N, C-alpha and C. Protein backbone atom coordinates (compact mmCIF):
# COMPACT_ATOMS: atom_id res chain seq x y z
N MET A 1 0.79 -1.24 -0.07
CA MET A 1 -0.01 0.00 0.07
C MET A 1 0.90 1.25 -0.10
N ILE A 2 1.91 1.07 0.83
CA ILE A 2 2.97 2.48 0.80
C ILE A 2 3.39 2.61 -0.57
N ILE A 3 3.87 1.69 -1.38
CA ILE A 3 4.53 1.70 -2.75
C ILE A 3 3.32 2.18 -3.59
N ASP A 4 2.14 1.89 -3.37
CA ASP A 4 1.01 2.40 -4.47
C ASP A 4 0.98 3.96 -3.95
N ILE A 5 1.03 4.22 -2.72
CA ILE A 5 0.90 5.65 -2.41
C ILE A 5 2.07 6.44 -3.10
N LEU A 6 3.17 5.99 -2.88
CA LEU A 6 4.26 6.78 -3.65
C LEU A 6 4.15 6.81 -4.97
N PHE A 7 3.67 5.72 -5.47
CA PHE A 7 3.38 5.77 -7.14
C PHE A 7 2.39 7.02 -7.32
N PHE A 8 1.34 7.11 -6.54
CA PHE A 8 0.25 7.89 -6.81
C PHE A 8 0.87 9.38 -6.80
N ILE A 9 1.74 9.59 -5.63
CA ILE A 9 2.40 10.87 -5.43
C ILE A 9 3.13 11.06 -6.57
N GLU A 10 4.08 10.30 -7.27
CA GLU A 10 4.74 10.40 -8.57
C GLU A 10 3.86 10.86 -9.68
N ILE A 11 2.69 10.22 -9.82
CA ILE A 11 1.97 10.61 -10.86
C ILE A 11 1.48 11.99 -10.74
N LEU A 12 1.07 12.52 -9.49
CA LEU A 12 0.94 13.92 -9.48
C LEU A 12 2.03 14.74 -9.65
N MET A 13 3.15 14.42 -9.30
CA MET A 13 4.47 15.08 -9.59
C MET A 13 4.94 15.16 -11.04
N ASN A 14 4.59 14.06 -11.66
CA ASN A 14 4.96 14.23 -13.06
C ASN A 14 4.15 15.46 -13.97
N PHE A 15 2.97 15.78 -13.46
CA PHE A 15 2.22 16.85 -13.99
C PHE A 15 3.09 18.20 -13.89
N VAL A 16 3.97 18.44 -13.03
CA VAL A 16 4.86 19.50 -12.76
C VAL A 16 6.24 19.60 -13.06
N LYS A 17 6.79 18.42 -13.46
CA LYS A 17 8.39 18.26 -13.66
C LYS A 17 8.67 18.93 -14.89
N ARG A 18 9.66 19.92 -14.77
CA ARG A 18 10.10 20.66 -15.77
C ARG A 18 11.16 19.97 -16.40
N THR A 19 11.49 20.13 -17.77
CA THR A 19 12.61 19.82 -18.49
C THR A 19 13.06 20.87 -19.22
N ASN A 20 14.12 20.71 -19.96
CA ASN A 20 14.60 21.63 -20.88
C ASN A 20 13.83 21.95 -21.97
N ILE A 21 13.01 20.96 -22.39
CA ILE A 21 12.19 20.87 -23.55
C ILE A 21 10.79 21.58 -23.30
N ASN A 22 10.11 20.90 -22.20
CA ASN A 22 8.73 21.19 -21.62
C ASN A 22 9.08 22.15 -20.52
N ARG A 23 8.69 23.45 -20.69
CA ARG A 23 8.78 24.40 -19.57
C ARG A 23 7.47 24.97 -19.06
N THR A 24 6.57 24.74 -20.03
CA THR A 24 5.19 25.29 -19.25
C THR A 24 4.42 24.18 -18.80
N LEU A 25 3.45 24.55 -17.86
CA LEU A 25 2.61 23.44 -17.30
C LEU A 25 1.56 22.68 -18.26
N ASP A 26 1.18 23.34 -19.34
CA ASP A 26 0.59 22.75 -20.61
C ASP A 26 1.41 21.74 -21.29
N GLN A 27 2.53 22.12 -21.53
CA GLN A 27 3.45 21.12 -22.38
C GLN A 27 3.75 20.08 -21.49
N ILE A 28 4.18 20.13 -20.22
CA ILE A 28 4.44 19.11 -19.32
C ILE A 28 3.30 18.12 -19.18
N SER A 29 2.08 18.65 -18.86
CA SER A 29 0.98 17.75 -18.53
C SER A 29 0.71 17.05 -19.81
N TRP A 30 0.66 17.59 -20.96
CA TRP A 30 0.17 17.07 -22.36
C TRP A 30 1.31 15.94 -22.58
N LYS A 31 2.49 16.19 -22.48
CA LYS A 31 3.52 14.90 -22.97
C LYS A 31 3.31 14.02 -21.70
N TYR A 32 3.09 14.06 -20.52
CA TYR A 32 2.80 13.03 -19.74
C TYR A 32 1.59 12.22 -19.96
N LEU A 33 0.43 13.12 -20.31
CA LEU A 33 -0.83 12.41 -20.61
C LEU A 33 -0.68 11.55 -21.86
N ARG A 34 0.02 11.97 -22.85
CA ARG A 34 0.47 11.09 -23.96
C ARG A 34 1.45 9.94 -23.80
N GLY A 35 2.04 9.92 -22.83
CA GLY A 35 3.02 9.01 -22.57
C GLY A 35 2.67 7.88 -21.44
N PHE A 36 3.26 7.97 -20.35
CA PHE A 36 3.41 6.92 -19.27
C PHE A 36 2.10 7.12 -18.53
N PHE A 37 1.26 8.09 -18.60
CA PHE A 37 0.10 8.46 -17.52
C PHE A 37 -0.72 7.13 -17.67
N ILE A 38 -1.34 6.62 -18.71
CA ILE A 38 -2.23 5.53 -18.70
C ILE A 38 -1.55 4.32 -17.93
N PHE A 39 -0.50 4.01 -18.25
CA PHE A 39 0.23 2.92 -17.44
C PHE A 39 0.46 3.09 -16.12
N ASP A 40 0.64 4.48 -15.59
CA ASP A 40 0.98 4.59 -14.18
C ASP A 40 -0.44 4.52 -13.35
N VAL A 41 -1.49 5.05 -14.10
CA VAL A 41 -2.89 4.97 -13.42
C VAL A 41 -3.35 3.54 -13.30
N LEU A 42 -3.22 2.71 -14.43
CA LEU A 42 -3.67 1.27 -14.48
C LEU A 42 -2.95 0.69 -13.36
N ALA A 43 -1.82 0.95 -13.12
CA ALA A 43 -0.85 0.18 -11.99
C ALA A 43 -1.10 0.72 -10.83
N THR A 44 -1.56 1.71 -10.45
CA THR A 44 -1.76 2.24 -9.17
C THR A 44 -3.24 2.66 -8.70
N ILE A 45 -3.90 3.19 -9.52
CA ILE A 45 -5.32 3.75 -8.71
C ILE A 45 -6.17 2.55 -8.35
N PRO A 46 -6.26 1.49 -9.27
CA PRO A 46 -7.33 0.41 -8.79
C PRO A 46 -6.92 -0.12 -7.38
N GLU A 47 -5.63 -0.18 -7.11
CA GLU A 47 -5.21 -1.04 -5.73
C GLU A 47 -5.62 0.01 -4.59
N LEU A 48 -5.32 1.31 -4.79
CA LEU A 48 -5.76 2.45 -3.92
C LEU A 48 -7.24 2.47 -3.40
N PHE A 49 -8.07 2.43 -4.46
CA PHE A 49 -9.48 2.80 -4.35
C PHE A 49 -10.29 1.46 -4.03
N PHE A 50 -9.68 0.26 -4.67
CA PHE A 50 -10.64 -0.84 -4.62
C PHE A 50 -9.99 -1.82 -3.75
N GLY A 51 -8.78 -1.56 -2.98
CA GLY A 51 -8.20 -2.54 -1.88
C GLY A 51 -7.32 -3.44 -2.75
N GLU A 52 -6.57 -4.13 -1.87
CA GLU A 52 -5.68 -5.21 -2.38
C GLU A 52 -6.37 -6.39 -2.56
N SER A 53 -6.78 -6.70 -3.76
CA SER A 53 -7.32 -7.88 -4.17
C SER A 53 -6.56 -8.57 -5.26
N LEU A 54 -6.68 -9.71 -5.62
CA LEU A 54 -5.98 -10.48 -6.70
C LEU A 54 -6.86 -10.22 -7.76
N LYS A 55 -7.99 -9.82 -7.83
CA LYS A 55 -8.78 -9.28 -9.10
C LYS A 55 -8.12 -8.34 -9.87
N PHE A 56 -7.30 -7.33 -9.04
CA PHE A 56 -6.76 -6.08 -9.80
C PHE A 56 -5.28 -6.52 -9.65
N TYR A 57 -4.79 -7.07 -9.01
CA TYR A 57 -3.25 -7.32 -8.78
C TYR A 57 -2.36 -7.40 -10.15
N TRP A 58 -2.94 -7.96 -11.20
CA TRP A 58 -2.41 -8.25 -12.33
C TRP A 58 -2.00 -6.77 -13.03
N LEU A 59 -2.72 -5.77 -12.74
CA LEU A 59 -2.39 -4.51 -13.21
C LEU A 59 -1.06 -3.90 -12.78
N LYS A 60 -0.57 -4.47 -11.68
CA LYS A 60 0.91 -3.89 -11.34
C LYS A 60 1.87 -4.21 -12.29
N CYS A 61 1.53 -5.33 -13.25
CA CYS A 61 2.57 -5.40 -14.28
C CYS A 61 2.88 -4.32 -15.12
N PHE A 62 2.00 -3.25 -15.04
CA PHE A 62 2.23 -2.01 -16.01
C PHE A 62 3.58 -1.30 -15.33
N ARG A 63 3.85 -1.56 -14.22
CA ARG A 63 4.91 -0.76 -13.49
C ARG A 63 6.33 -1.30 -14.27
N LEU A 64 6.32 -2.46 -14.97
CA LEU A 64 7.56 -2.86 -15.56
C LEU A 64 7.73 -1.80 -16.62
N ILE A 65 7.02 -0.98 -17.10
CA ILE A 65 7.25 -0.11 -18.11
C ILE A 65 8.53 0.80 -17.62
N HIS A 66 8.49 1.14 -16.25
CA HIS A 66 9.42 1.93 -15.72
C HIS A 66 10.79 1.41 -15.45
N PHE A 67 10.65 0.13 -15.67
CA PHE A 67 12.12 -0.78 -15.37
C PHE A 67 13.47 -0.20 -16.14
N MET A 68 13.25 0.20 -17.32
CA MET A 68 14.37 0.68 -17.89
C MET A 68 14.89 2.10 -17.26
N ARG A 69 14.03 2.80 -17.01
CA ARG A 69 14.30 4.10 -15.98
C ARG A 69 15.21 3.82 -14.76
N LEU A 70 14.86 2.61 -14.20
CA LEU A 70 15.57 2.30 -12.96
C LEU A 70 16.99 1.94 -13.14
N CYS A 71 17.23 1.31 -14.61
CA CYS A 71 18.54 1.09 -15.11
C CYS A 71 19.43 2.29 -15.52
N ASP A 72 18.91 3.19 -15.69
CA ASP A 72 19.57 4.65 -16.18
C ASP A 72 20.85 4.82 -15.50
N PRO A 73 20.75 4.99 -14.06
CA PRO A 73 22.10 5.25 -13.45
C PRO A 73 23.20 4.31 -13.54
N LEU A 74 22.84 2.98 -13.75
CA LEU A 74 23.83 2.03 -14.08
C LEU A 74 24.41 2.09 -15.43
N VAL A 75 23.60 2.42 -16.43
CA VAL A 75 24.10 2.70 -17.83
C VAL A 75 24.91 3.98 -17.89
N LEU A 76 24.62 4.96 -17.04
CA LEU A 76 25.53 6.19 -17.13
C LEU A 76 26.84 5.80 -16.57
N ILE A 77 26.81 5.09 -15.54
CA ILE A 77 28.09 4.75 -14.65
C ILE A 77 28.99 3.86 -15.71
N MET A 78 28.20 2.79 -16.47
CA MET A 78 28.91 2.08 -17.37
C MET A 78 29.67 2.66 -18.45
N LYS A 79 28.91 3.64 -19.13
CA LYS A 79 29.35 4.62 -20.20
C LYS A 79 30.48 5.39 -19.54
N TYR A 80 30.49 5.84 -18.30
CA TYR A 80 31.63 6.72 -17.99
C TYR A 80 32.87 5.74 -17.75
N ILE A 81 32.89 4.66 -17.19
CA ILE A 81 33.82 3.50 -17.01
C ILE A 81 34.23 3.22 -18.49
N LEU A 82 33.57 2.96 -19.25
CA LEU A 82 34.08 2.33 -20.67
C LEU A 82 34.64 3.41 -21.36
N ASN A 83 34.19 4.73 -21.23
CA ASN A 83 34.70 5.77 -21.94
C ASN A 83 36.01 6.17 -21.60
N LYS A 84 36.25 5.87 -20.10
CA LYS A 84 37.52 6.24 -19.53
C LYS A 84 38.57 5.15 -19.84
N GLU A 85 38.23 3.92 -19.99
CA GLU A 85 39.01 2.94 -20.42
C GLU A 85 39.49 2.91 -21.86
N THR A 86 38.54 3.30 -22.70
CA THR A 86 38.90 3.61 -24.06
C THR A 86 39.93 4.46 -24.43
N LYS A 87 39.82 5.60 -23.49
CA LYS A 87 40.75 6.75 -23.80
C LYS A 87 42.28 6.15 -23.45
N LYS A 88 42.43 5.31 -22.51
CA LYS A 88 43.64 4.82 -22.26
C LYS A 88 44.21 3.85 -23.25
N ARG A 89 43.58 3.16 -23.87
CA ARG A 89 43.97 2.46 -24.95
C ARG A 89 44.56 3.22 -26.06
């Protein structure tokens, strides 16, 4: 339940996250609505409002869409290490 609450907070925060490309609230909201919004809502909202039941538990698989984002720090570290090693050669 705590993870679902954190994902719900993240859904709300995604409507106001600024980037270099999307600076206005309209641009940010529109980009999120066209992107990951539907997956985030399907993975989070049913569990929060209808309780933890096996009937809706399969919807949590939509959280796997964000799996690649979790790997981003590792990819950056590997690029840095490999770039440094190739310069030595």
